[in-house]
Amino acid sequence: QLQLVESGGGLVQPGGSLRLSCAASGFTLSYYAIGWFRQAPGKEREGVSCITSSSSGGSTNYADSVKGRFTISRDNVKNTVYLQMNSLKSEDTAVYYCAAGGSAYCSGYVPWTIGSWGQGTQVTVSS
């Protein structure tokens, strides 16, 4: 069964850091583009970052709102993709989702197509 499971969310003060994990089972993440998305209360889900497949070079892209603060990366041995989030702001508060692309490529900071979604992990930035 194909499954993505996010973890690492929580409550953090402004300026703090969190690292989100997206672990896959039933398929090999390195073959696909992987994206992180977020959805804040009352807002639409938005793309945050995307990394292409390992065979495509593992190129990364970011939304302007997180560029310079967030870093997406892969650990192919652990079949996991990470989102390191630094200098967090209150406006980063959202449920964060990872998504496996249906191909190896990103279209900007989202996968070209979406194959599977994780269940989401809550990130709350508040003092």
PDB file of N, CA and C in Angstrom:
ATOM      1  N   GLN A   1       0.851  -1.186   0.000  1.00  0.00           N
ATOM      2  CA  GLN A   1       0.000   0.000   0.000  1.00  0.00           C
ATOM      3  C   GLN A   1       0.892   1.243   0.000  1.00  0.00           C
ATOM      4  N   LEU A   2       0.598   2.168  -0.904  1.00  0.00           N
ATOM      5  CA  LEU A   2       1.373   3.389  -0.992  1.00  0.00           C
ATOM      6  C   LEU A   2       0.946   4.349   0.106  1.00  0.00           C
ATOM      7  N   GLN A   3       1.912   4.845   0.860  1.00  0.00           N
ATOM      8  CA  GLN A   3       1.571   5.707   1.976  1.00  0.00           C
ATOM      9  C   GLN A   3       2.681   6.724   2.227  1.00  0.00           C
ATOM     10  N   LEU A   4       2.263   7.962   2.550  1.00  0.00           N
ATOM     11  CA  LEU A   4       3.167   9.011   2.993  1.00  0.00           C
ATOM     12  C   LEU A   4       2.750   9.425   4.395  1.00  0.00           C
ATOM     13  N   VAL A   5       3.718   9.538   5.289  1.00  0.00           N
ATOM     14  CA  VAL A   5       3.427   9.917   6.666  1.00  0.00           C
ATOM     15  C   VAL A   5       4.328  11.081   7.066  1.00  0.00           C
ATOM     16  N   GLU A   6       3.687  12.210   7.415  1.00  0.00           N
ATOM     17  CA  GLU A   6       4.429  13.369   7.878  1.00  0.00           C
ATOM     18  C   GLU A   6       4.579  13.316   9.396  1.00  0.00           C
ATOM     19  N   SER A   7       5.650  13.920   9.885  1.00  0.00           N
ATOM     20  CA  SER A   7       5.864  14.057  11.318  1.00  0.00           C
ATOM     21  C   SER A   7       6.764  15.261  11.556  1.00  0.00           C
ATOM     22  N   GLY A   8       6.857  15.667  12.819  1.00  0.00           N
ATOM     23  CA  GLY A   8       7.764  16.746  13.182  1.00  0.00           C
ATOM     24  C   GLY A   8       7.103  18.075  13.462  1.00  0.00           C
ATOM     25  N   GLY A   9       5.802  18.154  13.263  1.00  0.00           N
ATOM     26  CA  GLY A   9       5.115  19.398  13.556  1.00  0.00           C
ATOM     27  C   GLY A   9       5.015  19.651  15.048  1.00  0.00           C
ATOM     28  N   GLY A  10       4.565  20.855  15.393  1.00  0.00           N
ATOM     29  CA  GLY A  10       4.406  21.192  16.803  1.00  0.00           C
ATOM     30  C   GLY A  10       4.255  22.671  16.994  1.00  0.00           C
ATOM     31  N   LEU A  11       4.404  23.083  18.252  1.00  0.00           N
ATOM     32  CA  LEU A  11       4.305  24.481  18.636  1.00  0.00           C
ATOM     33  C   LEU A  11       5.713  25.035  18.811  1.00  0.00           C
ATOM     34  N   VAL A  12       5.981  26.172  18.185  1.00  0.00           N
ATOM     35  CA  VAL A  12       7.301  26.790  18.269  1.00  0.00           C
ATOM     36  C   VAL A  12       7.129  28.297  18.354  1.00  0.00           C
ATOM     37  N   GLN A  13       8.057  28.959  19.036  1.00  0.00           N
ATOM     38  CA  GLN A  13       8.002  30.410  19.136  1.00  0.00           C
ATOM     39  C   GLN A  13       8.502  31.058  17.854  1.00  0.00           C
ATOM     40  N   PRO A  14       8.049  32.274  17.581  1.00  0.00           N
ATOM     41  CA  PRO A  14       8.587  33.000  16.411  1.00  0.00           C
ATOM     42  C   PRO A  14      10.109  33.061  16.463  1.00  0.00           C
ATOM     43  N   GLY A  15      10.717  32.830  15.294  1.00  0.00           N
ATOM     44  CA  GLY A  15      12.173  32.781  15.214  1.00  0.00           C
ATOM     45  C   GLY A  15      12.749  31.404  15.421  1.00  0.00           C
ATOM     46  N   GLY A  16      11.920  30.462  15.846  1.00  0.00           N
ATOM     47  CA  GLY A  16      12.383  29.104  16.097  1.00  0.00           C
ATOM     48  C   GLY A  16      12.453  28.258  14.843  1.00  0.00           C
ATOM     49  N   SER A  17      12.791  26.982  15.045  1.00  0.00           N
ATOM     50  CA  SER A  17      12.974  26.048  13.934  1.00  0.00           C
ATOM     51  C   SER A  17      12.229  24.744  14.188  1.00  0.00           C
ATOM     52  N   LEU A  18      11.848  24.110  13.104  1.00  0.00           N
ATOM     53  CA  LEU A  18      11.289  22.759  13.121  1.00  0.00           C
ATOM     54  C   LEU A  18      11.786  22.030  11.890  1.00  0.00           C
ATOM     55  N   ARG A  19      11.868  20.714  11.986  1.00  0.00           N
ATOM     56  CA  ARG A  19      12.156  19.889  10.821  1.00  0.00           C
ATOM     57  C   ARG A  19      11.031  18.889  10.631  1.00  0.00           C
ATOM     58  N   LEU A  20      10.366  19.008   9.500  1.00  0.00           N
ATOM     59  CA  LEU A  20       9.306  18.080   9.144  1.00  0.00           C
ATOM     60  C   LEU A  20       9.884  16.916   8.350  1.00  0.00           C
ATOM     61  N   SER A  21       9.308  15.738   8.560  1.00  0.00           N
ATOM     62  CA  SER A  21       9.715  14.544   7.824  1.00  0.00           C
ATOM     63  C   SER A  21       8.531  13.996   7.044  1.00  0.00           C
ATOM     64  N   CYS A  22       8.826  13.436   5.892  1.00  0.00           N
ATOM     65  CA  CYS A  22       7.821  12.791   5.051  1.00  0.00           C
ATOM     66  C   CYS A  22       8.386  11.425   4.687  1.00  0.00           C
ATOM     67  N   ALA A  23       7.877  10.396   5.344  1.00  0.00           N
ATOM     68  CA  ALA A  23       8.374   9.037   5.142  1.00  0.00           C
ATOM     69  C   ALA A  23       7.422   8.262   4.252  1.00  0.00           C
ATOM     70  N   ALA A  24       7.978   7.523   3.320  1.00  0.00           N
ATOM     71  CA  ALA A  24       7.168   6.766   2.371  1.00  0.00           C
ATOM     72  C   ALA A  24       7.241   5.267   2.650  1.00  0.00           C
ATOM     73  N   SER A  25       6.151   4.587   2.374  1.00  0.00           N
ATOM     74  CA  SER A  25       6.128   3.131   2.396  1.00  0.00           C
ATOM     75  C   SER A  25       5.390   2.652   1.162  1.00  0.00           C
ATOM     76  N   GLY A  26       5.851   1.538   0.627  1.00  0.00           N
ATOM     77  CA  GLY A  26       5.194   0.976  -0.545  1.00  0.00           C
ATOM     78  C   GLY A  26       5.723   1.488  -1.875  1.00  0.00           C
ATOM     79  N   PHE A  27       6.581   2.491  -1.854  1.00  0.00           N
ATOM     80  CA  PHE A  27       7.205   2.962  -3.082  1.00  0.00           C
ATOM     81  C   PHE A  27       8.485   3.719  -2.730  1.00  0.00           C
ATOM     82  N   THR A  28       9.306   3.987  -3.744  1.00  0.00           N
ATOM     83  CA  THR A  28      10.607   4.609  -3.536  1.00  0.00           C
ATOM     84  C   THR A  28      10.531   6.094  -3.868  1.00  0.00           C
ATOM     85  N   LEU A  29      10.701   6.911  -2.830  1.00  0.00           N
ATOM     86  CA  LEU A  29      10.542   8.355  -3.000  1.00  0.00           C
ATOM     87  C   LEU A  29      11.543   8.958  -3.981  1.00  0.00           C
ATOM     88  N   SER A  30      12.721   8.388  -4.064  1.00  0.00           N
ATOM     89  CA  SER A  30      13.776   9.007  -4.875  1.00  0.00           C
ATOM     90  C   SER A  30      13.431   9.040  -6.361  1.00  0.00           C
ATOM     91  N   TYR A  31      12.472   8.235  -6.789  1.00  0.00           N
ATOM     92  CA  TYR A  31      12.089   8.207  -8.203  1.00  0.00           C
ATOM     93  C   TYR A  31      11.194   9.385  -8.594  1.00  0.00           C
ATOM     94  N   TYR A  32      10.669  10.099  -7.597  1.00  0.00           N
ATOM     95  CA  TYR A  32       9.618  11.081  -7.858  1.00  0.00           C
ATOM     96  C   TYR A  32       9.979  12.461  -7.333  1.00  0.00           C
ATOM     97  N   ALA A  33       9.378  13.479  -7.964  1.00  0.00           N
ATOM     98  CA  ALA A  33       9.411  14.802  -7.352  1.00  0.00           C
ATOM     99  C   ALA A  33       8.547  14.771  -6.099  1.00  0.00           C
ATOM    100  N   ILE A  34       8.986  15.463  -5.061  1.00  0.00           N
ATOM    101  CA  ILE A  34       8.241  15.535  -3.810  1.00  0.00           C
ATOM    102  C   ILE A  34       8.020  16.995  -3.463  1.00  0.00           C
ATOM    103  N   GLY A  35       6.799  17.303  -3.088  1.00  0.00           N
ATOM    104  CA  GLY A  35       6.474  18.679  -2.727  1.00  0.00           C
ATOM    105  C   GLY A  35       5.960  18.779  -1.307  1.00  0.00           C
ATOM    106  N   TRP A  36       6.187  19.932  -0.708  1.00  0.00           N
ATOM    107  CA  TRP A  36       5.560  20.298   0.559  1.00  0.00           C
ATOM    108  C   TRP A  36       4.545  21.397   0.283  1.00  0.00           C
ATOM    109  N   PHE A  37       3.386  21.245   0.897  1.00  0.00           N
ATOM    110  CA  PHE A  37       2.308  22.208   0.803  1.00  0.00           C
ATOM    111  C   PHE A  37       1.871  22.592   2.211  1.00  0.00           C
ATOM    112  N   ARG A  38       1.114  23.670   2.324  1.00  0.00           N
ATOM    113  CA  ARG A  38       0.545  24.035   3.614  1.00  0.00           C
ATOM    114  C   ARG A  38      -0.822  24.645   3.413  1.00  0.00           C
ATOM    115  N   GLN A  39      -1.639  24.528   4.459  1.00  0.00           N
ATOM    116  CA  GLN A  39      -2.978  25.112   4.425  1.00  0.00           C
ATOM    117  C   GLN A  39      -3.263  25.744   5.774  1.00  0.00           C
ATOM    118  N   ALA A  40      -3.391  27.055   5.759  1.00  0.00           N
ATOM    119  CA  ALA A  40      -3.722  27.803   6.964  1.00  0.00           C
ATOM    120  C   ALA A  40      -5.241  27.871   7.112  1.00  0.00           C
ATOM    121  N   PRO A  41      -5.748  28.086   8.321  1.00  0.00           N
ATOM    122  CA  PRO A  41      -7.198  28.162   8.519  1.00  0.00           C
ATOM    123  C   PRO A  41      -7.831  29.210   7.625  1.00  0.00           C
ATOM    124  N   GLY A  42      -8.880  28.802   6.920  1.00  0.00           N
ATOM    125  CA  GLY A  42      -9.608  29.721   6.070  1.00  0.00           C
ATOM    126  C   GLY A  42      -8.946  30.048   4.753  1.00  0.00           C
ATOM    127  N   LYS A  43      -7.810  29.390   4.471  1.00  0.00           N
ATOM    128  CA  LYS A  43      -7.095  29.671   3.228  1.00  0.00           C
ATOM    129  C   LYS A  43      -6.972  28.408   2.390  1.00  0.00           C
ATOM    130  N   GLU A  44      -6.671  28.606   1.119  1.00  0.00           N
ATOM    131  CA  GLU A  44      -6.468  27.472   0.231  1.00  0.00           C
ATOM    132  C   GLU A  44      -5.084  26.855   0.472  1.00  0.00           C
ATOM    133  N   ARG A  45      -4.957  25.576   0.125  1.00  0.00           N
ATOM    134  CA  ARG A  45      -3.666  24.917   0.206  1.00  0.00           C
ATOM    135  C   ARG A  45      -2.708  25.559  -0.795  1.00  0.00           C
ATOM    136  N   GLU A  46      -1.478  25.784  -0.346  1.00  0.00           N
ATOM    137  CA  GLU A  46      -0.504  26.428  -1.217  1.00  0.00           C
ATOM    138  C   GLU A  46       0.803  25.640  -1.236  1.00  0.00           C
ATOM    139  N   GLY A  47       1.491  25.696  -2.365  1.00  0.00           N
ATOM    140  CA  GLY A  47       2.785  25.047  -2.467  1.00  0.00           C
ATOM    141  C   GLY A  47       3.837  25.811  -1.693  1.00  0.00           C
ATOM    142  N   VAL A  48       4.776  25.067  -1.132  1.00  0.00           N
ATOM    143  CA  VAL A  48       5.864  25.651  -0.353  1.00  0.00           C
ATOM    144  C   VAL A  48       7.214  25.371  -1.005  1.00  0.00           C
ATOM    145  N   SER A  49       7.438  24.103  -1.375  1.00  0.00           N
ATOM    146  CA  SER A  49       8.742  23.726  -1.910  1.00  0.00           C
ATOM    147  C   SER A  49       8.619  22.422  -2.670  1.00  0.00           C
ATOM    148  N   CYS A  50       9.547  22.213  -3.603  1.00  0.00           N
ATOM    149  CA  CYS A  50       9.557  20.984  -4.388  1.00  0.00           C
ATOM    150  C   CYS A  50      11.002  20.573  -4.644  1.00  0.00           C
ATOM    151  N   ILE A  51      11.228  19.254  -4.662  1.00  0.00           N
ATOM    152  CA  ILE A  51      12.531  18.709  -5.017  1.00  0.00           C
ATOM    153  C   ILE A  51      12.320  17.673  -6.115  1.00  0.00           C
ATOM    154  N   THR A  52      13.113  17.750  -7.174  1.00  0.00           N
ATOM    155  CA  THR A  52      12.962  16.788  -8.261  1.00  0.00           C
ATOM    156  C   THR A  52      13.526  15.429  -7.842  1.00  0.00           C
ATOM    157  N   SER A  53      13.298  14.428  -8.671  1.00  0.00           N
ATOM    158  CA  SER A  53      13.797  13.096  -8.356  1.00  0.00           C
ATOM    159  C   SER A  53      15.322  13.097  -8.278  1.00  0.00           C
ATOM    160  N   SER A  54      15.863  12.084  -7.630  1.00  0.00           N
ATOM    161  CA  SER A  54      17.315  12.007  -7.506  1.00  0.00           C
ATOM    162  C   SER A  54      17.976  11.876  -8.867  1.00  0.00           C
ATOM    163  N   SER A  55      17.376  11.096  -9.773  1.00  0.00           N
ATOM    164  CA  SER A  55      17.960  10.911 -11.098  1.00  0.00           C
ATOM    165  C   SER A  55      17.882  12.182 -11.942  1.00  0.00           C
ATOM    166  N   SER A  56      17.005  13.098 -11.551  1.00  0.00           N
ATOM    167  CA  SER A  56      16.887  14.395 -12.238  1.00  0.00           C
ATOM    168  C   SER A  56      17.725  15.468 -11.570  1.00  0.00           C
ATOM    169  N   GLY A  57      18.519  15.063 -10.601  1.00  0.00           N
ATOM    170  CA  GLY A  57      19.449  16.002  -9.992  1.00  0.00           C
ATOM    171  C   GLY A  57      19.045  16.530  -8.634  1.00  0.00           C
ATOM    172  N   GLY A  58      17.827  16.220  -8.215  1.00  0.00           N
ATOM    173  CA  GLY A  58      17.402  16.699  -6.902  1.00  0.00           C
ATOM    174  C   GLY A  58      17.355  18.201  -6.789  1.00  0.00           C
ATOM    175  N   SER A  59      16.979  18.877  -7.864  1.00  0.00           N
ATOM    176  CA  SER A  59      16.887  20.340  -7.833  1.00  0.00           C
ATOM    177  C   SER A  59      15.764  20.782  -6.916  1.00  0.00           C
ATOM    178  N   THR A  60      15.951  21.916  -6.278  1.00  0.00           N
ATOM    179  CA  THR A  60      14.969  22.414  -5.312  1.00  0.00           C
ATOM    180  C   THR A  60      14.431  23.782  -5.722  1.00  0.00           C
ATOM    181  N   ASN A  61      13.179  24.036  -5.365  1.00  0.00           N
ATOM    182  CA  ASN A  61      12.546  25.328  -5.610  1.00  0.00           C
ATOM    183  C   ASN A  61      11.675  25.678  -4.413  1.00  0.00           C
ATOM    184  N   TYR A  62      11.495  26.982  -4.198  1.00  0.00           N
ATOM    185  CA  TYR A  62      10.769  27.456  -3.026  1.00  0.00           C
ATOM    186  C   TYR A  62       9.829  28.598  -3.384  1.00  0.00           C
ATOM    187  N   ALA A  63       8.726  28.651  -2.668  1.00  0.00           N
ATOM    188  CA  ALA A  63       7.869  29.826  -2.752  1.00  0.00           C
ATOM    189  C   ALA A  63       8.615  31.023  -2.184  1.00  0.00           C
ATOM    190  N   ASP A  64       8.326  32.205  -2.714  1.00  0.00           N
ATOM    191  CA  ASP A  64       9.025  33.407  -2.262  1.00  0.00           C
ATOM    192  C   ASP A  64       8.867  33.621  -0.754  1.00  0.00           C
ATOM    193  N   SER A  65       7.723  33.238  -0.218  1.00  0.00           N
ATOM    194  CA  SER A  65       7.441  33.484   1.193  1.00  0.00           C
ATOM    195  C   SER A  65       8.344  32.693   2.135  1.00  0.00           C
ATOM    196  N   VAL A  66       8.987  31.625   1.634  1.00  0.00           N
ATOM    197  CA  VAL A  66       9.825  30.796   2.503  1.00  0.00           C
ATOM    198  C   VAL A  66      11.269  30.742   2.031  1.00  0.00           C
ATOM    199  N   LYS A  67      11.564  31.337   0.900  1.00  0.00           N
ATOM    200  CA  LYS A  67      12.905  31.274   0.332  1.00  0.00           C
ATOM    201  C   LYS A  67      13.919  31.875   1.311  1.00  0.00           C
ATOM    202  N   GLY A  68      15.005  31.153   1.517  1.00  0.00           N
ATOM    203  CA  GLY A  68      16.026  31.603   2.449  1.00  0.00           C
ATOM    204  C   GLY A  68      15.804  31.152   3.878  1.00  0.00           C
ATOM    205  N   ARG A  69      14.611  30.648   4.173  1.00  0.00           N
ATOM    206  CA  ARG A  69      14.291  30.185   5.537  1.00  0.00           C
ATOM    207  C   ARG A  69      14.054  28.677   5.590  1.00  0.00           C
ATOM    208  N   PHE A  70      13.481  28.109   4.535  1.00  0.00           N
ATOM    209  CA  PHE A  70      13.152  26.682   4.491  1.00  0.00           C
ATOM    210  C   PHE A  70      14.117  25.963   3.549  1.00  0.00           C
ATOM    211  N   THR A  71      14.407  24.696   3.860  1.00  0.00           N
ATOM    212  CA  THR A  71      15.258  23.873   3.017  1.00  0.00           C
ATOM    213  C   THR A  71      14.639  22.487   2.880  1.00  0.00           C
ATOM    214  N   ILE A  72      14.447  22.052   1.646  1.00  0.00           N
ATOM    215  CA  ILE A  72      13.936  20.713   1.375  1.00  0.00           C
ATOM    216  C   ILE A  72      15.116  19.813   1.020  1.00  0.00           C
ATOM    217  N   SER A  73      15.071  18.565   1.491  1.00  0.00           N
ATOM    218  CA  SER A  73      16.176  17.636   1.221  1.00  0.00           C
ATOM    219  C   SER A  73      15.660  16.207   1.249  1.00  0.00           C
ATOM    220  N   ARG A  74      16.493  15.302   0.749  1.00  0.00           N
ATOM    221  CA  ARG A  74      16.148  13.877   0.706  1.00  0.00           C
ATOM    222  C   ARG A  74      17.168  13.050   1.487  1.00  0.00           C
ATOM    223  N   ASP A  75      16.698  11.939   2.053  1.00  0.00           N
ATOM    224  CA  ASP A  75      17.559  10.873   2.539  1.00  0.00           C
ATOM    225  C   ASP A  75      17.050   9.602   1.873  1.00  0.00           C
ATOM    226  N   ASN A  76      17.708   9.192   0.802  1.00  0.00           N
ATOM    227  CA  ASN A  76      17.202   8.060   0.030  1.00  0.00           C
ATOM    228  C   ASN A  76      17.333   6.742   0.796  1.00  0.00           C
ATOM    229  N   VAL A  77      18.293   6.646   1.684  1.00  0.00           N
ATOM    230  CA  VAL A  77      18.437   5.430   2.487  1.00  0.00           C
ATOM    231  C   VAL A  77      17.217   5.257   3.392  1.00  0.00           C
ATOM    232  N   LYS A  78      16.760   6.357   3.963  1.00  0.00           N
ATOM    233  CA  LYS A  78      15.592   6.318   4.852  1.00  0.00           C
ATOM    234  C   LYS A  78      14.283   6.482   4.099  1.00  0.00           C
ATOM    235  N   ASN A  79      14.366   6.678   2.776  1.00  0.00           N
ATOM    236  CA  ASN A  79      13.149   6.868   1.973  1.00  0.00           C
ATOM    237  C   ASN A  79      12.292   7.998   2.545  1.00  0.00           C
ATOM    238  N   THR A  80      12.949   9.088   2.845  1.00  0.00           N
ATOM    239  CA  THR A  80      12.317  10.203   3.547  1.00  0.00           C
ATOM    240  C   THR A  80      12.748  11.529   2.921  1.00  0.00           C
ATOM    241  N   VAL A  81      11.819  12.463   2.890  1.00  0.00           N
ATOM    242  CA  VAL A  81      12.104  13.840   2.488  1.00  0.00           C
ATOM    243  C   VAL A  81      11.854  14.737   3.694  1.00  0.00           C
ATOM    244  N   TYR A  82      12.697  15.734   3.849  1.00  0.00           N
ATOM    245  CA  TYR A  82      12.615  16.643   4.989  1.00  0.00           C
ATOM    246  C   TYR A  82      12.302  18.060   4.537  1.00  0.00           C
ATOM    247  N   LEU A  83      11.729  18.833   5.458  1.00  0.00           N
ATOM    248  CA  LEU A  83      11.591  20.270   5.276  1.00  0.00           C
ATOM    249  C   LEU A  83      12.120  20.925   6.544  1.00  0.00           C
ATOM    250  N   GLN A  84      13.313  21.507   6.447  1.00  0.00           N
ATOM    251  CA  GLN A  84      13.893  22.239   7.555  1.00  0.00           C
ATOM    252  C   GLN A  84      13.354  23.660   7.515  1.00  0.00           C
ATOM    253  N   MET A  85      12.735  24.079   8.593  1.00  0.00           N
ATOM    254  CA  MET A  85      12.101  25.394   8.654  1.00  0.00           C
ATOM    255  C   MET A  85      12.771  26.213   9.741  1.00  0.00           C
ATOM    256  N   ASN A  86      13.415  27.296   9.339  1.00  0.00           N
ATOM    257  CA  ASN A  86      14.104  28.190  10.263  1.00  0.00           C
ATOM    258  C   ASN A  86      13.453  29.569  10.256  1.00  0.00           C
ATOM    259  N   SER A  87      13.764  30.353  11.252  1.00  0.00           N
ATOM    260  CA  SER A  87      13.241  31.725  11.359  1.00  0.00           C
ATOM    261  C   SER A  87      11.737  31.753  11.159  1.00  0.00           C
ATOM    262  N   LEU A  88      11.051  30.880  11.850  1.00  0.00           N
ATOM    263  CA  LEU A  88       9.610  30.743  11.653  1.00  0.00           C
ATOM    264  C   LEU A  88       8.854  31.984  12.089  1.00  0.00           C
ATOM    265  N   LYS A  89       7.782  32.270  11.361  1.00  0.00           N
ATOM    266  CA  LYS A  89       6.937  33.431  11.607  1.00  0.00           C
ATOM    267  C   LYS A  89       5.514  32.946  11.911  1.00  0.00           C
ATOM    268  N   SER A  90       4.723  33.804  12.502  1.00  0.00           N
ATOM    269  CA  SER A  90       3.351  33.430  12.813  1.00  0.00           C
ATOM    270  C   SER A  90       2.574  33.066  11.551  1.00  0.00           C
ATOM    271  N   GLU A  91       2.904  33.708  10.447  1.00  0.00           N
ATOM    272  CA  GLU A  91       2.202  33.416   9.198  1.00  0.00           C
ATOM    273  C   GLU A  91       2.584  32.066   8.598  1.00  0.00           C
ATOM    274  N   ASP A  92       3.550  31.367   9.184  1.00  0.00           N
ATOM    275  CA  ASP A  92       3.871  30.009   8.760  1.00  0.00           C
ATOM    276  C   ASP A  92       2.958  28.977   9.416  1.00  0.00           C
ATOM    277  N   THR A  93       2.127  29.413  10.338  1.00  0.00           N
ATOM    278  CA  THR A  93       1.197  28.500  11.007  1.00  0.00           C
ATOM    279  C   THR A  93       0.229  27.891   9.993  1.00  0.00           C
ATOM    280  N   ALA A  94       0.191  26.564   9.951  1.00  0.00           N
ATOM    281  CA  ALA A  94      -0.637  25.854   8.975  1.00  0.00           C
ATOM    282  C   ALA A  94      -0.501  24.356   9.212  1.00  0.00           C
ATOM    283  N   VAL A  95      -1.354  23.600   8.546  1.00  0.00           N
ATOM    284  CA  VAL A  95      -1.138  22.165   8.419  1.00  0.00           C
ATOM    285  C   VAL A  95      -0.249  21.961   7.195  1.00  0.00           C
ATOM    286  N   TYR A  96       0.828  21.224   7.392  1.00  0.00           N
ATOM    287  CA  TYR A  96       1.789  20.982   6.319  1.00  0.00           C
ATOM    288  C   TYR A  96       1.607  19.557   5.789  1.00  0.00           C
ATOM    289  N   TYR A  97       1.571  19.463   4.465  1.00  0.00           N
ATOM    290  CA  TYR A  97       1.373  18.184   3.778  1.00  0.00           C
ATOM    291  C   TYR A  97       2.547  17.926   2.834  1.00  0.00           C
ATOM    292  N   CYS A  98       2.956  16.672   2.725  1.00  0.00           N
ATOM    293  CA  CYS A  98       3.865  16.320   1.641  1.00  0.00           C
ATOM    294  C   CYS A  98       3.061  15.588   0.568  1.00  0.00           C
ATOM    295  N   ALA A  99       3.573  15.674  -0.635  1.00  0.00           N
ATOM    296  CA  ALA A  99       2.913  15.037  -1.772  1.00  0.00           C
ATOM    297  C   ALA A  99       3.971  14.450  -2.692  1.00  0.00           C
ATOM    298  N   ALA A 100       3.737  13.234  -3.120  1.00  0.00           N
ATOM    299  CA  ALA A 100       4.610  12.602  -4.092  1.00  0.00           C
ATOM    300  C   ALA A 100       4.106  12.913  -5.480  1.00  0.00           C
ATOM    301  N   GLY A 101       5.002  13.377  -6.316  1.00  0.00           N
ATOM    302  CA  GLY A 101       4.614  13.694  -7.676  1.00  0.00           C
ATOM    303  C   GLY A 101       4.324  12.441  -8.493  1.00  0.00           C
ATOM    304  N   GLY A 102       3.587  12.631  -9.579  1.00  0.00           N
ATOM    305  CA  GLY A 102       3.360  11.539 -10.508  1.00  0.00           C
ATOM    306  C   GLY A 102       4.490  11.398 -11.510  1.00  0.00           C
ATOM    307  N   SER A 103       5.488  12.265 -11.396  1.00  0.00           N
ATOM    308  CA  SER A 103       6.648  12.211 -12.282  1.00  0.00           C
ATOM    309  C   SER A 103       7.881  12.662 -11.512  1.00  0.00           C
ATOM    310  N   ALA A 104       8.968  12.781 -12.218  1.00  0.00           N
ATOM    311  CA  ALA A 104      10.239  13.153 -11.593  1.00  0.00           C
ATOM    312  C   ALA A 104      10.412  14.658 -11.441  1.00  0.00           C
ATOM    313  N   TYR A 105       9.478  15.459 -11.964  1.00  0.00           N
ATOM    314  CA  TYR A 105       9.739  16.877 -12.165  1.00  0.00           C
ATOM    315  C   TYR A 105       8.846  17.794 -11.344  1.00  0.00           C
ATOM    316  N   CYS A 106       9.373  18.975 -11.087  1.00  0.00           N
ATOM    317  CA  CYS A 106       8.627  20.042 -10.448  1.00  0.00           C
ATOM    318  C   CYS A 106       8.231  21.063 -11.501  1.00  0.00           C
ATOM    319  N   SER A 107       7.135  21.724 -11.233  1.00  0.00           N
ATOM    320  CA  SER A 107       6.744  22.895 -12.000  1.00  0.00           C
ATOM    321  C   SER A 107       6.874  24.072 -11.044  1.00  0.00           C
ATOM    322  N   GLY A 108       8.020  24.719 -11.086  1.00  0.00           N
ATOM    323  CA  GLY A 108       8.302  25.712 -10.051  1.00  0.00           C
ATOM    324  C   GLY A 108       8.455  25.021  -8.710  1.00  0.00           C
ATOM    325  N   TYR A 109       7.674  25.450  -7.730  1.00  0.00           N
ATOM    326  CA  TYR A 109       7.820  24.888  -6.384  1.00  0.00           C
ATOM    327  C   TYR A 109       6.719  23.898  -6.035  1.00  0.00           C
ATOM    328  N   VAL A 110       6.053  23.316  -7.056  1.00  0.00           N
ATOM    329  CA  VAL A 110       5.100  22.229  -6.823  1.00  0.00           C
ATOM    330  C   VAL A 110       5.409  21.103  -7.792  1.00  0.00           C
ATOM    331  N   PRO A 111       5.085  19.857  -7.434  1.00  0.00           N
ATOM    332  CA  PRO A 111       5.294  18.766  -8.389  1.00  0.00           C
ATOM    333  C   PRO A 111       4.452  18.984  -9.647  1.00  0.00           C
ATOM    334  N   TRP A 112       4.991  18.519 -10.794  1.00  0.00           N
ATOM    335  CA  TRP A 112       4.278  18.694 -12.067  1.00  0.00           C
ATOM    336  C   TRP A 112       2.897  18.056 -11.993  1.00  0.00           C
ATOM    337  N   THR A 113       2.813  16.880 -11.410  1.00  0.00           N
ATOM    338  CA  THR A 113       1.526  16.235 -11.110  1.00  0.00           C
ATOM    339  C   THR A 113       1.611  15.649  -9.709  1.00  0.00           C
ATOM    340  N   ILE A 114       0.472  15.389  -9.095  1.00  0.00           N
ATOM    341  CA  ILE A 114       0.432  14.825  -7.749  1.00  0.00           C
ATOM    342  C   ILE A 114      -0.073  13.382  -7.814  1.00  0.00           C
ATOM    343  N   GLY A 115       0.704  12.474  -7.185  1.00  0.00           N
ATOM    344  CA  GLY A 115       0.286  11.083  -7.137  1.00  0.00           C
ATOM    345  C   GLY A 115      -0.343  10.714  -5.804  1.00  0.00           C
ATOM    346  N   SER A 116       0.313  11.105  -4.699  1.00  0.00           N
ATOM    347  CA  SER A 116      -0.160  10.724  -3.364  1.00  0.00           C
ATOM    348  C   SER A 116       0.056  11.861  -2.392  1.00  0.00           C
ATOM    349  N   TRP A 117      -0.849  11.951  -1.398  1.00  0.00           N
ATOM    350  CA  TRP A 117      -0.753  12.949  -0.332  1.00  0.00           C
ATOM    351  C   TRP A 117      -0.547  12.256   1.007  1.00  0.00           C
ATOM    352  N   GLY A 118       0.159  12.961   1.893  1.00  0.00           N
ATOM    353  CA  GLY A 118       0.200  12.536   3.277  1.00  0.00           C
ATOM    354  C   GLY A 118      -0.999  13.090   4.029  1.00  0.00           C
ATOM    355  N   GLN A 119      -1.074  12.778   5.318  1.00  0.00           N
ATOM    356  CA  GLN A 119      -2.241  13.167   6.116  1.00  0.00           C
ATOM    357  C   GLN A 119      -2.086  14.547   6.752  1.00  0.00           C
ATOM    358  N   GLY A 120      -0.877  15.077   6.753  1.00  0.00           N
ATOM    359  CA  GLY A 120      -0.648  16.415   7.285  1.00  0.00           C
ATOM    360  C   GLY A 120      -0.115  16.417   8.707  1.00  0.00           C
ATOM    361  N   THR A 121       0.626  17.479   9.032  1.00  0.00           N
ATOM    362  CA  THR A 121       1.125  17.690  10.391  1.00  0.00           C
ATOM    363  C   THR A 121       0.984  19.174  10.723  1.00  0.00           C
ATOM    364  N   GLN A 122       0.511  19.464  11.923  1.00  0.00           N
ATOM    365  CA  GLN A 122       0.223  20.838  12.319  1.00  0.00           C
ATOM    366  C   GLN A 122       1.496  21.541  12.775  1.00  0.00           C
ATOM    367  N   VAL A 123       1.703  22.739  12.253  1.00  0.00           N
ATOM    368  CA  VAL A 123       2.774  23.627  12.699  1.00  0.00           C
ATOM    369  C   VAL A 123       2.134  24.905  13.216  1.00  0.00           C
ATOM    370  N   THR A 124       2.409  25.236  14.462  1.00  0.00           N
ATOM    371  CA  THR A 124       1.880  26.453  15.065  1.00  0.00           C
ATOM    372  C   THR A 124       3.037  27.299  15.558  1.00  0.00           C
ATOM    373  N   VAL A 125       3.094  28.521  15.062  1.00  0.00           N
ATOM    374  CA  VAL A 125       4.148  29.458  15.458  1.00  0.00           C
ATOM    375  C   VAL A 125       3.497  30.560  16.287  1.00  0.00           C
ATOM    376  N   SER A 126       3.806  30.555  17.567  1.00  0.00           N
ATOM    377  CA  SER A 126       3.152  31.487  18.478  1.00  0.00           C
ATOM    378  C   SER A 126       3.990  31.651  19.733  1.00  0.00           C
ATOM    379  N   SER A 127       3.916  32.849  20.298  1.00  0.00           N
ATOM    380  CA  SER A 127       4.607  33.107  21.561  1.00  0.00           C
ATOM    381  C   SER A 127       3.669  32.859  22.737  1.00  0.00           C
TER     382      SER A 127
END
